[in-house]
N, C-alpha and C. Protein backbone atom coordinates (compact mmCIF):
# COMPACT_ATOMS: atom_id res chain seq x y z
N VAL A 1 -184.42 92.95 -138.89
CA VAL A 1 -185.07 91.91 -139.59
C VAL A 1 -185.98 92.49 -140.70
N TYR A 2 -186.10 91.95 -141.86
CA TYR A 2 -187.00 92.41 -142.95
C TYR A 2 -187.87 91.19 -143.47
N LYS A 3 -189.01 91.48 -143.64
CA LYS A 3 -189.89 90.33 -144.22
C LYS A 3 -190.91 91.09 -145.08
N SER A 4 -191.14 90.55 -146.36
CA SER A 4 -192.05 90.99 -147.14
C SER A 4 -193.43 90.21 -147.03
N ASP A 5 -194.65 90.74 -147.28
CA ASP A 5 -195.94 89.96 -147.17
C ASP A 5 -196.20 89.15 -148.42
N GLY A 6 -195.37 89.09 -149.35
CA GLY A 6 -195.63 88.40 -150.53
C GLY A 6 -196.14 89.19 -151.51
N LYS A 7 -196.47 90.51 -151.27
CA LYS A 7 -196.93 91.36 -152.33
C LYS A 7 -195.82 92.33 -152.64
N ASP A 8 -196.30 93.67 -152.87
CA ASP A 8 -195.26 94.64 -152.95
C ASP A 8 -194.87 95.42 -151.80
N SER A 9 -195.49 94.91 -150.69
CA SER A 9 -195.18 95.77 -149.44
C SER A 9 -194.46 95.05 -148.34
N GLN A 10 -193.77 95.62 -147.43
CA GLN A 10 -193.13 94.88 -146.35
C GLN A 10 -193.94 94.51 -145.13
N ALA A 11 -193.93 93.36 -144.74
CA ALA A 11 -194.70 93.17 -143.40
C ALA A 11 -193.77 93.38 -142.21
N LEU A 12 -192.43 93.48 -142.40
CA LEU A 12 -191.58 93.89 -141.31
C LEU A 12 -190.39 94.70 -141.99
N THR A 13 -190.08 95.88 -141.48
CA THR A 13 -189.00 96.62 -141.96
C THR A 13 -188.06 97.11 -140.90
N ASP A 14 -186.78 96.67 -141.07
CA ASP A 14 -185.80 97.03 -139.98
C ASP A 14 -186.20 96.92 -138.73
N VAL A 15 -186.77 95.87 -138.21
CA VAL A 15 -187.32 95.52 -136.96
C VAL A 15 -186.14 95.02 -136.08
N THR A 16 -185.75 95.92 -135.24
CA THR A 16 -184.50 95.62 -134.27
C THR A 16 -184.85 95.77 -132.78
N LEU A 17 -184.70 94.77 -132.07
CA LEU A 17 -185.24 94.89 -130.66
C LEU A 17 -184.53 93.65 -130.02
N GLU A 18 -184.58 93.83 -128.61
CA GLU A 18 -184.03 92.74 -127.76
C GLU A 18 -184.92 92.48 -126.61
N ILE A 19 -185.15 91.30 -126.33
CA ILE A 19 -185.96 90.80 -125.12
C ILE A 19 -184.99 89.95 -124.25
N GLU A 20 -184.96 90.35 -122.99
CA GLU A 20 -183.99 89.74 -122.16
C GLU A 20 -184.71 88.48 -121.51
N LYS A 21 -183.85 87.45 -121.19
CA LYS A 21 -184.29 86.21 -120.67
C LYS A 21 -185.12 86.53 -119.29
N GLY A 22 -186.36 85.96 -119.24
CA GLY A 22 -187.13 86.19 -118.08
C GLY A 22 -188.07 87.37 -118.16
N ASP A 23 -188.02 88.18 -119.19
CA ASP A 23 -188.88 89.30 -119.47
C ASP A 23 -190.38 88.77 -119.75
N PHE A 24 -191.26 89.82 -119.47
CA PHE A 24 -192.73 89.61 -119.84
C PHE A 24 -193.00 90.93 -120.73
N VAL A 25 -193.19 90.77 -122.04
CA VAL A 25 -193.31 91.77 -122.97
C VAL A 25 -194.64 91.58 -123.74
N PHE A 26 -195.17 92.79 -123.94
CA PHE A 26 -196.46 92.94 -124.78
C PHE A 26 -196.05 93.37 -126.16
N LEU A 27 -196.55 92.81 -127.28
CA LEU A 27 -196.22 93.24 -128.69
C LEU A 27 -197.60 93.84 -129.16
N THR A 28 -197.55 95.14 -129.36
CA THR A 28 -198.90 95.70 -129.72
C THR A 28 -198.80 96.44 -131.07
N GLY A 29 -199.87 96.97 -131.62
CA GLY A 29 -200.24 97.67 -132.86
C GLY A 29 -201.32 97.33 -133.46
N PRO A 30 -201.86 98.12 -134.50
CA PRO A 30 -203.11 97.82 -135.18
C PRO A 30 -203.01 96.57 -135.97
N SER A 31 -204.14 95.99 -136.44
CA SER A 31 -204.20 94.81 -137.44
C SER A 31 -203.28 95.17 -138.50
N GLY A 32 -202.38 94.21 -138.92
CA GLY A 32 -201.64 94.43 -140.05
C GLY A 32 -200.36 94.92 -139.75
N ALA A 33 -200.02 95.29 -138.52
CA ALA A 33 -198.77 95.94 -138.23
C ALA A 33 -197.64 95.07 -138.15
N GLY A 34 -197.83 93.77 -138.22
CA GLY A 34 -196.64 92.76 -138.34
C GLY A 34 -196.46 91.90 -136.97
N LYS A 35 -197.50 92.01 -136.09
CA LYS A 35 -197.27 91.29 -134.85
C LYS A 35 -197.25 89.73 -135.04
N THR A 36 -198.10 89.25 -135.80
CA THR A 36 -198.08 87.72 -136.07
C THR A 36 -196.87 87.41 -136.83
N THR A 37 -196.67 88.11 -137.78
CA THR A 37 -195.45 87.87 -138.77
C THR A 37 -194.29 87.72 -137.91
N LEU A 38 -194.03 88.61 -136.92
CA LEU A 38 -192.81 88.66 -135.98
C LEU A 38 -192.81 87.34 -135.12
N LEU A 39 -193.93 86.92 -134.60
CA LEU A 39 -194.02 85.74 -133.77
C LEU A 39 -193.81 84.49 -134.61
N LYS A 40 -194.20 84.47 -135.92
CA LYS A 40 -193.84 83.27 -136.88
C LYS A 40 -192.40 83.23 -137.01
N LEU A 41 -191.71 84.35 -137.06
CA LEU A 41 -190.23 84.25 -137.36
C LEU A 41 -189.54 83.68 -136.25
N VAL A 42 -190.06 84.15 -135.09
CA VAL A 42 -189.31 83.46 -133.90
C VAL A 42 -189.55 82.07 -133.70
N PHE A 43 -190.68 81.70 -134.20
CA PHE A 43 -191.17 80.15 -133.93
C PHE A 43 -190.64 79.35 -135.19
N CYS A 44 -190.06 80.11 -136.16
CA CYS A 44 -189.38 79.45 -137.36
C CYS A 44 -190.59 78.89 -138.23
N ALA A 45 -191.72 79.43 -138.12
CA ALA A 45 -192.78 79.07 -138.98
C ALA A 45 -192.77 79.78 -140.40
N ASP A 46 -191.65 80.80 -140.37
CA ASP A 46 -191.45 81.65 -141.59
C ASP A 46 -189.86 82.06 -141.28
N ARG A 47 -189.40 82.61 -142.43
CA ARG A 47 -188.04 82.95 -142.25
C ARG A 47 -187.85 84.42 -142.79
N PRO A 48 -187.02 85.26 -142.09
CA PRO A 48 -186.80 86.62 -142.54
C PRO A 48 -186.00 86.53 -143.86
N GLU A 49 -186.27 87.77 -144.64
CA GLU A 49 -185.50 87.85 -145.81
C GLU A 49 -184.12 88.47 -145.64
N ARG A 50 -184.09 89.32 -144.72
CA ARG A 50 -182.81 89.78 -144.39
C ARG A 50 -182.68 89.96 -142.83
N GLY A 51 -181.51 89.97 -142.31
CA GLY A 51 -181.24 90.22 -140.83
C GLY A 51 -181.10 88.95 -140.08
N GLN A 52 -180.69 89.01 -138.92
CA GLN A 52 -180.53 88.10 -137.88
C GLN A 52 -181.62 87.90 -136.81
N LEU A 53 -181.77 86.70 -136.38
CA LEU A 53 -182.88 86.54 -135.40
C LEU A 53 -182.16 85.53 -134.37
N LEU A 54 -181.90 86.04 -133.21
CA LEU A 54 -181.23 85.22 -132.27
C LEU A 54 -182.08 84.82 -130.97
N VAL A 55 -182.09 83.54 -130.71
CA VAL A 55 -182.95 82.91 -129.83
C VAL A 55 -182.13 82.05 -128.89
N ASN A 56 -181.98 82.52 -127.62
CA ASN A 56 -180.92 81.78 -126.66
C ASN A 56 -179.60 81.83 -127.33
N GLY A 57 -179.25 82.98 -127.93
CA GLY A 57 -177.81 83.14 -128.46
C GLY A 57 -177.57 82.34 -129.87
N ARG A 58 -178.77 81.74 -130.33
CA ARG A 58 -178.48 81.11 -131.53
C ARG A 58 -179.26 81.70 -132.71
N ASN A 59 -178.63 81.92 -133.86
CA ASN A 59 -179.19 82.64 -135.06
C ASN A 59 -180.11 81.70 -135.76
N ILE A 60 -181.43 81.72 -135.46
CA ILE A 60 -182.21 80.80 -135.96
C ILE A 60 -182.75 81.08 -137.34
N SER A 61 -182.54 82.32 -137.93
CA SER A 61 -182.86 82.50 -139.22
C SER A 61 -182.00 81.71 -140.22
N ARG A 62 -181.03 81.00 -139.81
CA ARG A 62 -180.25 80.13 -140.60
C ARG A 62 -180.18 78.74 -140.19
N LEU A 63 -181.18 78.42 -139.44
CA LEU A 63 -181.29 76.96 -138.95
C LEU A 63 -181.81 76.09 -140.20
N LYS A 64 -181.17 74.93 -140.23
CA LYS A 64 -181.66 74.02 -141.16
C LYS A 64 -182.95 73.31 -140.84
N ALA A 65 -183.62 72.99 -141.83
CA ALA A 65 -184.96 72.46 -141.46
C ALA A 65 -185.06 71.32 -140.42
N ARG A 66 -184.23 70.51 -140.37
CA ARG A 66 -184.11 69.35 -139.46
C ARG A 66 -183.84 69.87 -138.05
N ALA A 67 -183.23 71.03 -137.96
CA ALA A 67 -183.03 71.60 -136.47
C ALA A 67 -184.18 72.15 -135.78
N ILE A 68 -185.21 72.67 -136.73
CA ILE A 68 -186.37 73.43 -136.21
C ILE A 68 -187.00 72.68 -135.08
N PRO A 69 -187.34 71.47 -135.11
CA PRO A 69 -188.09 70.66 -134.14
C PRO A 69 -187.41 70.89 -132.66
N PHE A 70 -186.07 70.69 -132.79
CA PHE A 70 -185.27 70.92 -131.53
C PHE A 70 -185.46 72.24 -131.00
N LEU A 71 -185.48 73.33 -131.82
CA LEU A 71 -185.76 74.72 -131.18
C LEU A 71 -187.17 74.72 -130.65
N ARG A 72 -188.06 74.28 -131.35
CA ARG A 72 -189.61 74.39 -130.83
C ARG A 72 -189.81 73.63 -129.45
N ARG A 73 -188.76 72.52 -129.12
CA ARG A 73 -189.05 71.86 -127.89
C ARG A 73 -189.03 72.86 -126.76
N ASN A 74 -188.25 74.01 -126.98
CA ASN A 74 -188.15 75.02 -125.96
C ASN A 74 -188.91 76.30 -126.10
N ILE A 75 -190.10 76.25 -127.03
CA ILE A 75 -190.84 77.35 -127.23
C ILE A 75 -192.20 76.88 -127.14
N GLY A 76 -193.08 77.48 -126.42
CA GLY A 76 -194.60 77.13 -126.22
C GLY A 76 -195.16 78.23 -126.97
N VAL A 77 -196.22 77.76 -127.83
CA VAL A 77 -196.91 78.72 -128.54
C VAL A 77 -198.55 78.69 -128.32
N VAL A 78 -199.16 79.76 -128.15
CA VAL A 78 -200.49 79.80 -127.80
C VAL A 78 -201.21 80.57 -128.94
N PHE A 79 -202.10 79.99 -129.82
CA PHE A 79 -202.75 80.78 -130.92
C PHE A 79 -204.24 81.20 -130.47
N GLN A 80 -204.56 82.16 -131.25
CA GLN A 80 -205.86 82.70 -130.99
C GLN A 80 -207.19 81.79 -131.32
N ASP A 81 -206.83 80.78 -132.26
CA ASP A 81 -207.92 79.98 -132.57
C ASP A 81 -207.64 78.55 -132.04
N PHE A 82 -206.80 78.43 -130.93
CA PHE A 82 -206.46 77.18 -129.97
C PHE A 82 -205.90 76.05 -130.82
N LYS A 83 -206.23 75.82 -132.13
CA LYS A 83 -205.60 74.72 -132.69
C LYS A 83 -205.70 73.32 -131.98
N LEU A 84 -206.77 73.21 -131.37
CA LEU A 84 -206.78 71.82 -130.70
C LEU A 84 -207.50 70.78 -131.56
N LEU A 85 -207.11 69.49 -131.18
CA LEU A 85 -207.49 68.32 -132.20
C LEU A 85 -208.92 67.92 -131.54
N LYS A 86 -209.95 68.06 -132.39
CA LYS A 86 -211.34 68.00 -131.97
C LYS A 86 -211.58 66.50 -131.63
N ARG A 87 -211.00 65.60 -132.30
CA ARG A 87 -211.26 64.13 -132.02
C ARG A 87 -210.47 63.51 -130.86
N LYS A 88 -209.74 64.30 -130.20
CA LYS A 88 -208.94 63.95 -128.99
C LYS A 88 -209.33 64.54 -127.80
N THR A 89 -209.41 63.70 -126.74
CA THR A 89 -209.68 64.43 -125.38
C THR A 89 -208.66 65.54 -125.13
N ILE A 90 -209.06 66.17 -124.04
CA ILE A 90 -207.94 67.40 -123.79
C ILE A 90 -206.81 66.87 -123.19
N LEU A 91 -206.94 65.77 -122.50
CA LEU A 91 -205.64 65.07 -121.97
C LEU A 91 -204.73 64.73 -123.16
N GLU A 92 -205.40 64.03 -124.04
CA GLU A 92 -204.68 63.71 -125.32
C GLU A 92 -204.01 64.96 -126.14
N ASN A 93 -204.79 66.04 -126.04
CA ASN A 93 -204.35 67.09 -126.77
C ASN A 93 -203.12 67.70 -126.20
N VAL A 94 -203.17 67.78 -124.74
CA VAL A 94 -201.95 68.23 -124.07
C VAL A 94 -200.74 67.26 -124.15
N ALA A 95 -201.13 66.13 -124.10
CA ALA A 95 -200.05 64.90 -124.29
C ALA A 95 -199.37 64.82 -125.50
N PHE A 96 -199.94 65.44 -126.53
CA PHE A 96 -199.42 65.38 -127.91
C PHE A 96 -197.93 65.70 -128.01
N VAL A 97 -197.65 66.78 -127.52
CA VAL A 97 -196.14 67.31 -127.62
C VAL A 97 -195.22 66.32 -127.08
N PRO A 98 -195.38 65.84 -125.83
CA PRO A 98 -194.34 64.76 -125.38
C PRO A 98 -194.53 63.42 -126.10
N ARG A 99 -195.71 63.22 -126.58
CA ARG A 99 -195.90 61.89 -127.40
C ARG A 99 -194.81 62.05 -128.59
N ILE A 100 -194.94 63.17 -129.47
CA ILE A 100 -194.26 63.16 -130.56
C ILE A 100 -192.73 63.25 -130.36
N LEU A 101 -192.43 63.59 -129.04
CA LEU A 101 -190.99 63.56 -128.70
C LEU A 101 -190.47 62.21 -128.08
N GLY A 102 -191.37 61.30 -128.08
CA GLY A 102 -191.06 59.99 -127.80
C GLY A 102 -190.94 59.57 -126.20
N VAL A 103 -191.64 60.50 -125.38
CA VAL A 103 -191.75 60.31 -124.04
C VAL A 103 -192.57 59.06 -123.67
N PRO A 104 -192.31 58.33 -122.82
CA PRO A 104 -192.98 57.04 -122.35
C PRO A 104 -194.53 57.42 -122.15
N VAL A 105 -195.49 56.62 -122.40
CA VAL A 105 -196.90 56.88 -122.22
C VAL A 105 -197.32 57.30 -120.75
N ARG A 106 -196.81 56.54 -119.90
CA ARG A 106 -197.02 56.95 -118.56
C ARG A 106 -196.58 58.33 -118.15
N GLU A 107 -195.50 58.64 -118.66
CA GLU A 107 -194.92 60.08 -118.29
C GLU A 107 -195.69 61.17 -119.11
N GLN A 108 -196.10 60.61 -120.33
CA GLN A 108 -196.95 61.62 -121.07
C GLN A 108 -198.24 62.07 -120.31
N LYS A 109 -198.98 61.04 -119.79
CA LYS A 109 -200.12 61.24 -119.17
C LYS A 109 -199.80 62.06 -117.73
N ARG A 110 -198.67 61.78 -117.08
CA ARG A 110 -198.49 62.46 -115.85
C ARG A 110 -198.14 63.94 -116.13
N ARG A 111 -197.42 64.26 -117.06
CA ARG A 111 -197.20 65.62 -117.50
C ARG A 111 -198.35 66.38 -117.90
N ALA A 112 -199.22 65.75 -118.79
CA ALA A 112 -200.46 66.26 -119.33
C ALA A 112 -201.53 66.59 -118.09
N PHE A 113 -201.58 65.68 -117.17
CA PHE A 113 -202.47 65.95 -116.09
C PHE A 113 -201.96 67.05 -115.25
N ALA A 114 -200.59 67.24 -114.92
CA ALA A 114 -200.02 68.27 -114.25
C ALA A 114 -200.29 69.52 -114.92
N ALA A 115 -200.16 69.50 -116.25
CA ALA A 115 -200.30 70.80 -117.05
C ALA A 115 -201.77 71.23 -116.91
N LEU A 116 -202.77 70.29 -117.00
CA LEU A 116 -204.22 70.68 -116.84
C LEU A 116 -204.55 71.08 -115.50
N ARG A 117 -203.84 70.41 -114.64
CA ARG A 117 -204.09 70.96 -113.13
C ARG A 117 -203.77 72.33 -112.89
N SER A 118 -202.71 72.68 -113.67
CA SER A 118 -201.97 74.14 -113.39
C SER A 118 -202.88 75.15 -114.05
N VAL A 119 -203.82 74.73 -114.94
CA VAL A 119 -204.71 75.72 -115.60
C VAL A 119 -206.18 75.46 -115.17
N GLY A 120 -206.27 74.61 -114.11
CA GLY A 120 -207.63 74.28 -113.34
C GLY A 120 -208.52 73.46 -114.25
N LEU A 121 -208.10 72.64 -115.00
CA LEU A 121 -208.92 71.81 -115.92
C LEU A 121 -208.72 70.25 -115.88
N HIS A 122 -208.02 69.84 -114.85
CA HIS A 122 -207.69 68.48 -114.62
C HIS A 122 -209.04 67.54 -114.47
N HIS A 123 -210.04 68.08 -113.94
CA HIS A 123 -211.28 67.37 -113.70
C HIS A 123 -212.14 67.29 -115.11
N LYS A 124 -211.61 67.82 -116.11
CA LYS A 124 -212.34 67.68 -117.29
C LYS A 124 -211.33 66.95 -118.51
N MET A 125 -210.47 66.26 -117.97
CA MET A 125 -209.32 65.71 -118.83
C MET A 125 -209.96 64.68 -119.92
N HIS A 126 -211.12 64.11 -119.67
CA HIS A 126 -211.74 63.19 -120.52
C HIS A 126 -212.71 63.91 -121.51
N SER A 127 -212.89 65.10 -121.48
CA SER A 127 -213.84 65.96 -122.19
C SER A 127 -213.05 66.20 -123.60
N TYR A 128 -214.01 66.45 -124.57
CA TYR A 128 -213.41 66.96 -125.99
C TYR A 128 -213.53 68.44 -126.10
N PRO A 129 -212.60 68.96 -127.01
CA PRO A 129 -212.62 70.39 -127.01
C PRO A 129 -213.97 71.06 -127.33
N LEU A 130 -214.74 70.50 -128.19
CA LEU A 130 -216.07 71.18 -128.48
C LEU A 130 -217.11 71.07 -127.29
N GLN A 131 -216.73 70.28 -126.24
CA GLN A 131 -217.59 70.19 -125.00
C GLN A 131 -217.17 71.28 -124.09
N LEU A 132 -216.15 71.93 -124.35
CA LEU A 132 -215.61 73.16 -123.49
C LEU A 132 -216.00 74.49 -124.12
N SER A 133 -216.01 75.47 -123.12
CA SER A 133 -216.19 76.85 -123.47
C SER A 133 -214.97 77.43 -124.25
N GLY A 134 -215.04 78.54 -124.78
CA GLY A 134 -213.99 79.18 -125.38
C GLY A 134 -212.76 79.50 -124.48
N GLY A 135 -213.22 79.93 -123.25
CA GLY A 135 -212.16 80.20 -122.24
C GLY A 135 -211.49 78.79 -121.79
N GLU A 136 -212.19 77.74 -121.60
CA GLU A 136 -211.61 76.55 -121.20
C GLU A 136 -210.73 76.10 -122.31
N GLN A 137 -211.15 76.04 -123.57
CA GLN A 137 -210.25 75.58 -124.69
C GLN A 137 -209.05 76.38 -124.76
N GLN A 138 -209.12 77.77 -124.47
CA GLN A 138 -207.87 78.49 -124.49
C GLN A 138 -207.02 77.99 -123.22
N ARG A 139 -207.47 77.69 -122.05
CA ARG A 139 -206.66 77.13 -121.04
C ARG A 139 -206.02 75.84 -121.55
N VAL A 140 -206.65 75.03 -122.13
CA VAL A 140 -206.09 73.71 -122.61
C VAL A 140 -204.93 74.03 -123.50
N ALA A 141 -205.15 74.97 -124.46
CA ALA A 141 -203.97 75.48 -125.37
C ALA A 141 -202.80 75.91 -124.68
N ILE A 142 -203.05 76.58 -123.67
CA ILE A 142 -201.86 77.19 -122.61
C ILE A 142 -201.25 75.97 -122.01
N ALA A 143 -202.13 74.99 -121.40
CA ALA A 143 -201.40 73.92 -120.76
C ALA A 143 -200.55 73.14 -121.69
N ARG A 144 -201.00 72.89 -123.11
CA ARG A 144 -200.25 72.22 -124.14
C ARG A 144 -198.96 72.99 -124.39
N ALA A 145 -199.02 74.34 -124.25
CA ALA A 145 -197.85 75.18 -124.59
C ALA A 145 -196.83 75.15 -123.58
N LEU A 146 -197.38 74.71 -122.34
CA LEU A 146 -196.41 74.95 -121.09
C LEU A 146 -195.95 73.56 -120.68
N ILE A 147 -196.37 72.49 -121.33
CA ILE A 147 -196.13 71.04 -120.83
C ILE A 147 -194.62 70.62 -120.84
N ASN A 148 -193.86 71.42 -121.58
CA ASN A 148 -192.47 71.03 -121.71
C ASN A 148 -191.54 72.12 -120.92
N GLU A 149 -192.35 72.92 -120.08
CA GLU A 149 -191.75 73.99 -119.37
C GLU A 149 -190.66 74.87 -120.39
N PRO A 150 -191.25 75.53 -121.33
CA PRO A 150 -190.47 76.12 -122.32
C PRO A 150 -189.70 77.41 -121.83
N MET A 151 -188.44 77.74 -122.43
CA MET A 151 -187.83 78.85 -122.07
C MET A 151 -188.51 79.99 -122.46
N LEU A 152 -189.36 80.02 -123.43
CA LEU A 152 -190.03 81.17 -124.28
C LEU A 152 -191.47 80.62 -124.51
N LEU A 153 -192.43 81.56 -124.18
CA LEU A 153 -193.76 81.39 -124.44
C LEU A 153 -194.27 82.59 -125.39
N LEU A 154 -194.84 82.08 -126.46
CA LEU A 154 -195.39 83.11 -127.55
C LEU A 154 -196.96 83.02 -127.43
N ALA A 155 -197.58 84.08 -127.42
CA ALA A 155 -199.05 84.05 -127.49
C ALA A 155 -199.49 85.09 -128.37
N ASP A 156 -200.37 84.69 -129.33
CA ASP A 156 -200.87 85.67 -130.33
C ASP A 156 -202.18 85.80 -130.17
N GLU A 157 -202.51 87.09 -129.64
CA GLU A 157 -203.97 87.43 -129.35
C GLU A 157 -204.79 86.38 -128.49
N PRO A 158 -204.17 86.09 -127.24
CA PRO A 158 -204.66 84.83 -126.61
C PRO A 158 -205.98 85.19 -125.79
N THR A 159 -206.33 86.40 -125.70
CA THR A 159 -207.60 86.84 -125.02
C THR A 159 -208.62 87.58 -126.02
N GLY A 160 -208.18 87.37 -127.27
CA GLY A 160 -209.08 88.07 -128.27
C GLY A 160 -210.60 87.59 -128.28
N ASN A 161 -210.87 86.30 -127.96
CA ASN A 161 -212.23 85.82 -127.89
C ASN A 161 -212.85 85.70 -126.66
N LEU A 162 -212.12 86.14 -125.50
CA LEU A 162 -212.58 85.93 -124.24
C LEU A 162 -213.07 87.12 -123.63
N ASP A 163 -214.08 86.93 -122.60
CA ASP A 163 -214.59 88.12 -121.78
C ASP A 163 -213.54 88.59 -120.85
N PRO A 164 -213.87 89.87 -120.34
CA PRO A 164 -212.82 90.53 -119.61
C PRO A 164 -212.28 89.64 -118.25
N GLU A 165 -213.26 88.96 -117.76
CA GLU A 165 -212.88 88.24 -116.44
C GLU A 165 -211.93 86.97 -116.95
N MET A 166 -212.31 86.40 -117.97
CA MET A 166 -211.48 85.27 -118.34
C MET A 166 -210.06 85.66 -119.00
N ALA A 167 -210.05 86.81 -119.54
CA ALA A 167 -208.74 87.49 -120.09
C ALA A 167 -207.91 87.68 -118.85
N GLN A 168 -208.38 88.10 -117.89
CA GLN A 168 -207.60 88.41 -116.63
C GLN A 168 -207.02 87.18 -116.12
N GLU A 169 -207.92 86.16 -116.08
CA GLU A 169 -207.44 84.67 -115.53
C GLU A 169 -206.32 84.29 -116.47
N ILE A 170 -206.33 84.46 -117.73
CA ILE A 170 -205.32 84.01 -118.57
C ILE A 170 -203.94 84.77 -118.37
N MET A 171 -204.16 86.00 -118.14
CA MET A 171 -202.86 86.76 -117.82
C MET A 171 -202.34 86.32 -116.54
N ARG A 172 -203.18 86.06 -115.58
CA ARG A 172 -202.58 85.58 -114.25
C ARG A 172 -201.73 84.26 -114.47
N LEU A 173 -202.29 83.50 -115.36
CA LEU A 173 -201.39 82.14 -115.74
C LEU A 173 -200.15 82.64 -116.39
N PHE A 174 -200.18 83.52 -117.24
CA PHE A 174 -198.89 83.91 -117.96
C PHE A 174 -198.09 84.55 -116.93
N LEU A 175 -198.45 85.24 -115.91
CA LEU A 175 -197.65 85.93 -114.88
C LEU A 175 -197.01 84.80 -114.09
N GLU A 176 -197.76 83.77 -113.65
CA GLU A 176 -197.15 82.59 -112.93
C GLU A 176 -196.05 81.93 -113.67
N VAL A 177 -196.26 81.64 -115.02
CA VAL A 177 -195.30 81.04 -115.81
C VAL A 177 -193.96 81.83 -115.86
N ASN A 178 -194.16 83.21 -115.91
CA ASN A 178 -193.06 84.05 -116.07
C ASN A 178 -192.31 84.04 -114.67
N ALA A 179 -192.99 83.98 -113.64
CA ALA A 179 -192.34 83.96 -112.47
C ALA A 179 -191.51 82.83 -112.06
N ARG A 180 -191.83 81.73 -112.85
CA ARG A 180 -190.95 80.51 -112.68
C ARG A 180 -189.83 80.48 -113.85
N GLY A 181 -189.67 81.68 -114.49
CA GLY A 181 -188.42 81.85 -115.35
C GLY A 181 -188.63 81.92 -116.83
N THR A 182 -189.93 81.50 -117.31
CA THR A 182 -190.12 81.51 -118.57
C THR A 182 -190.27 82.93 -119.25
N THR A 183 -189.53 83.19 -120.35
CA THR A 183 -189.82 84.53 -121.10
C THR A 183 -191.19 84.52 -121.82
N VAL A 184 -191.89 85.62 -121.62
CA VAL A 184 -193.25 85.59 -122.18
C VAL A 184 -193.37 86.85 -123.14
N LEU A 185 -193.86 86.45 -124.47
CA LEU A 185 -193.99 87.53 -125.38
C LEU A 185 -195.60 87.32 -125.88
N VAL A 186 -196.39 88.51 -125.51
CA VAL A 186 -197.79 88.31 -125.88
C VAL A 186 -198.07 89.46 -127.02
N ALA A 187 -198.64 88.97 -128.04
CA ALA A 187 -199.15 89.92 -129.13
C ALA A 187 -200.58 90.28 -128.90
N THR A 188 -200.95 91.63 -128.56
CA THR A 188 -202.28 91.99 -128.52
C THR A 188 -202.47 93.38 -128.83
N HIS A 189 -203.83 93.76 -129.15
CA HIS A 189 -204.31 95.09 -129.41
C HIS A 189 -205.02 95.59 -128.23
N ASP A 190 -205.07 94.85 -127.16
CA ASP A 190 -206.02 95.18 -126.05
C ASP A 190 -205.16 96.16 -125.10
N ARG A 191 -205.41 97.47 -125.33
CA ARG A 191 -204.75 98.52 -124.53
C ARG A 191 -205.05 98.71 -123.18
N GLU A 192 -206.15 98.37 -122.92
CA GLU A 192 -206.47 98.47 -121.49
C GLU A 192 -205.89 97.33 -120.62
N MET A 193 -205.82 96.16 -121.26
CA MET A 193 -205.10 95.06 -120.57
C MET A 193 -203.77 95.41 -120.40
N ILE A 194 -203.18 96.01 -121.48
CA ILE A 194 -201.65 96.31 -121.31
C ILE A 194 -201.44 97.30 -120.22
N GLN A 195 -202.15 98.36 -120.17
CA GLN A 195 -202.01 99.29 -119.07
C GLN A 195 -202.27 98.70 -117.85
N ARG A 196 -203.17 97.93 -117.69
CA ARG A 196 -203.42 97.26 -116.30
C ARG A 196 -202.19 96.38 -115.84
N MET A 197 -201.56 95.60 -116.87
CA MET A 197 -200.43 94.73 -116.45
C MET A 197 -199.21 95.57 -116.16
N GLY A 198 -199.04 96.79 -116.68
CA GLY A 198 -197.72 97.47 -116.47
C GLY A 198 -196.46 96.84 -116.83
N LYS A 199 -196.36 96.20 -117.79
CA LYS A 199 -195.18 95.38 -118.25
C LYS A 199 -194.63 96.22 -119.46
N ARG A 200 -193.39 95.84 -119.94
CA ARG A 200 -192.82 96.53 -121.15
C ARG A 200 -193.70 96.25 -122.36
N VAL A 201 -193.80 97.28 -123.17
CA VAL A 201 -194.49 97.20 -124.55
C VAL A 201 -193.64 97.61 -125.66
N ILE A 202 -193.70 96.69 -126.76
CA ILE A 202 -193.11 96.88 -128.04
C ILE A 202 -194.19 97.28 -128.92
N ALA A 203 -194.26 98.41 -129.56
CA ALA A 203 -195.33 98.76 -130.40
C ALA A 203 -194.94 98.90 -132.01
N LEU A 204 -195.61 98.09 -132.76
CA LEU A 204 -195.39 97.92 -134.27
C LEU A 204 -196.43 98.63 -134.95
N GLU A 205 -196.01 99.39 -135.98
CA GLU A 205 -196.89 100.11 -136.95
C GLU A 205 -196.37 100.08 -138.33
N ARG A 206 -197.13 99.39 -139.26
CA ARG A 206 -196.84 99.11 -140.70
C ARG A 206 -195.39 98.42 -140.68
N GLY A 207 -195.30 97.47 -139.93
CA GLY A 207 -194.08 96.58 -139.98
C GLY A 207 -192.76 97.18 -139.32
N ARG A 208 -193.02 98.34 -138.62
CA ARG A 208 -191.83 99.06 -138.12
C ARG A 208 -191.96 99.32 -136.56
N VAL A 209 -190.83 99.14 -135.82
CA VAL A 209 -190.88 99.36 -134.38
C VAL A 209 -191.14 100.79 -134.18
N VAL A 210 -192.20 101.31 -133.56
CA VAL A 210 -192.45 102.72 -133.21
C VAL A 210 -192.02 103.07 -131.65
N SER A 211 -192.03 102.02 -130.95
CA SER A 211 -191.47 102.18 -129.65
C SER A 211 -191.16 100.92 -128.87
N ALA A 212 -190.15 100.84 -128.04
CA ALA A 212 -189.72 99.54 -127.51
C ALA A 212 -189.34 99.85 -126.00
């Protein structure tokens, strides 16, 4: 896969790799290495300029715009800046995904409550994002990403703003999700955490894969 950064340089150059179903993989490299760009391609937030990108056997680099929402139903995404809706309670934030999919209201609430319980925040379901700590907001974002039981979970620097203890808690949640069959791809530059986890590592540097 190739992708330019909109200037004269390449964000990704000849990136070739394979991640098996059910794997837990870290994507690492310095700032500007292309980690976020690669995640965006997998999530169809951007398109490669050349090459093929297969998700669950389907070449998503050629998906028509109307098919992208169907792909995203099976992909959970956790962003570093959470992207929570500040004027909605955390229950409403987590229920947002099933709501836009047309799930009945009672089922929306049931799924959202179960997802919040899985991250230990069901007791704060009526709170608003700004009433929570950074770690709690990140757990809400994870609950939202997991509510549809996705086949693939993408996380972009999910522990970048958290203290070491909370970072470990977030990784524990990801391990539990992975144990239930979800493929997990985490972009991070936290070498200490990567070593502690002992999972497969794909390293990028200047848009190229240097180890996989």
